[in-house]
Amino acid sequence: MNGLGVDIVRISRFGNLILESKKYRKILSDPETEIFERLTKPERRMEFLAGRFAAKEAIFKALSKTGENFTFPEISVLGDATGALEVTFARETKLRVLVSISHSEENAVAVAVLN
């Protein structure tokens, strides 16, 4: 089965989530939260959160015809040893998704392809 998804978000939209206690956990998986909490610059935290949000929205769109349903925290988008992004799911699935995230000063964009 094929699937494609894309999403773009304003990075500034996530400023309140880095200031409000633990609301970012509604978006991030546990491994992503560990990375996020080590980031010290507010701008980098907003960029990271916006990028993961866009990636997961793109993944949801790519998976829309598979019948598989996941929540934001059940999906992890993490860099591998080479820095390439890998998508993993909290429960067993045969789905393979490729994802890419990019940022400008104002926006984060992501594309996901069901492979």
Protein backbone atom coordinates (compact mmCIF):
# COMPACT_ATOMS: atom_id res chain seq x y z
CA MET A 1 0.00 0.00 0.00
CA ASN A 2 1.23 3.48 -0.85
CA GLY A 3 0.68 6.65 1.08
CA LEU A 4 2.00 10.20 1.06
CA GLY A 5 1.55 12.98 3.59
CA VAL A 6 2.85 16.51 4.00
CA ASP A 7 2.34 19.11 6.72
CA ILE A 8 3.60 22.61 7.45
CA VAL A 9 3.27 24.56 10.72
CA ARG A 10 4.35 27.91 12.09
CA ILE A 11 7.10 27.39 14.63
CA SER A 12 5.87 30.28 16.80
CA ARG A 13 2.65 28.33 17.40
CA PHE A 14 4.61 26.07 19.78
CA GLY A 15 6.05 28.77 22.04
CA ASN A 16 3.37 28.30 24.69
CA LEU A 17 3.95 24.53 24.78
CA ILE A 18 7.59 24.87 25.78
CA LEU A 19 6.63 27.20 28.61
CA GLU A 20 3.60 25.32 29.92
CA SER A 21 4.38 22.38 32.14
CA LYS A 22 4.68 19.09 30.23
CA LYS A 23 2.09 19.89 27.52
CA TYR A 24 4.68 18.86 24.94
CA ARG A 25 4.18 15.26 26.14
CA LYS A 26 0.90 15.24 24.19
CA ILE A 27 3.01 15.40 21.02
CA LEU A 28 6.31 13.71 21.85
CA SER A 29 7.11 10.06 22.56
CA ASP A 30 9.22 9.23 25.61
CA PRO A 31 12.50 9.04 23.61
CA GLU A 32 11.68 12.35 21.88
CA THR A 33 10.87 13.92 25.25
CA GLU A 34 14.32 12.97 26.53
CA ILE A 35 15.94 14.80 23.61
CA PHE A 36 13.59 17.78 23.93
CA GLU A 37 14.26 18.22 27.64
CA ARG A 38 18.03 18.34 27.00
CA LEU A 39 17.65 21.26 24.59
CA THR A 40 18.49 24.53 26.35
CA LYS A 41 17.59 27.23 23.82
CA PRO A 42 13.87 28.10 23.61
CA GLU A 43 14.13 28.65 19.84
CA ARG A 44 15.60 25.17 19.31
CA ARG A 45 12.93 23.62 21.55
CA MET A 46 10.15 25.29 19.52
CA GLU A 47 11.78 24.17 16.27
CA PHE A 48 12.13 20.57 17.50
CA LEU A 49 8.53 20.43 18.71
CA ALA A 50 7.15 22.00 15.53
CA GLY A 51 9.17 19.61 13.37
CA ARG A 52 7.96 16.53 15.24
CA PHE A 53 4.37 17.78 15.14
CA ALA A 54 4.57 18.36 11.36
CA ALA A 55 6.21 14.95 10.86
CA LYS A 56 3.51 13.14 12.80
CA GLU A 57 0.70 14.98 11.00
CA ALA A 58 2.34 13.98 7.69
CA ILE A 59 2.59 10.38 8.94
CA PHE A 60 -1.10 10.36 9.89
CA LYS A 61 -1.95 11.52 6.36
CA ALA A 62 0.31 8.89 4.77
CA LEU A 63 -1.32 6.15 6.88
CA SER A 64 -4.88 7.37 6.35
CA LYS A 65 -5.91 4.46 4.10
CA THR A 66 -4.15 1.70 6.04
CA GLY A 67 -6.68 1.39 8.86
CA GLU A 68 -3.85 1.84 11.38
CA ASN A 69 -4.41 4.44 14.09
CA PHE A 70 -1.75 5.88 16.36
CA THR A 71 -1.62 8.80 18.77
CA PHE A 72 1.15 11.41 18.69
CA PRO A 73 3.14 9.85 21.57
CA GLU A 74 2.91 6.38 19.98
CA ILE A 75 5.10 7.54 17.09
CA SER A 76 8.80 8.33 17.45
CA VAL A 77 10.78 10.27 14.86
CA LEU A 78 14.43 9.90 15.84
CA GLY A 79 17.78 10.28 14.15
CA ASP A 80 19.80 7.12 13.53
CA ALA A 81 23.61 6.83 13.77
CA THR A 82 24.01 8.70 10.49
CA GLY A 83 21.51 11.43 11.39
CA ALA A 84 18.81 10.11 9.04
CA LEU A 85 15.34 10.10 10.54
CA GLU A 86 13.66 6.83 11.46
CA VAL A 87 10.01 6.33 12.32
CA THR A 88 9.09 3.77 14.95
CA PHE A 89 5.76 2.89 16.48
CA ALA A 90 4.91 2.02 20.09
CA ARG A 91 3.16 -1.19 19.09
CA GLU A 92 3.85 -3.92 16.56
CA THR A 93 3.15 -3.02 12.95
CA LYS A 94 4.47 -3.97 9.54
CA LEU A 95 4.30 -0.37 8.37
CA ARG A 96 7.47 1.34 7.19
CA VAL A 97 7.41 5.10 6.86
CA LEU A 98 10.08 7.40 5.49
CA VAL A 99 10.01 10.97 6.79
CA SER A 100 11.89 14.20 6.24
CA ILE A 101 11.66 17.43 8.24
CA SER A 102 12.87 20.88 7.21
CA HIS A 103 12.74 24.29 8.89
CA SER A 104 12.84 27.92 7.91
CA GLU A 105 12.90 30.77 10.41
CA GLU A 106 9.10 30.74 10.55
CA ASN A 107 7.93 27.27 9.52
CA ALA A 108 8.56 23.56 9.90
CA VAL A 109 7.56 21.25 7.09
CA ALA A 110 7.55 17.47 6.89
CA VAL A 111 6.83 14.86 4.27
CA ALA A 112 6.07 11.20 4.98
CA VAL A 113 5.96 8.31 2.53
CA LEU A 114 4.53 4.91 3.35
CA ASN A 115 7.16 2.47 2.11
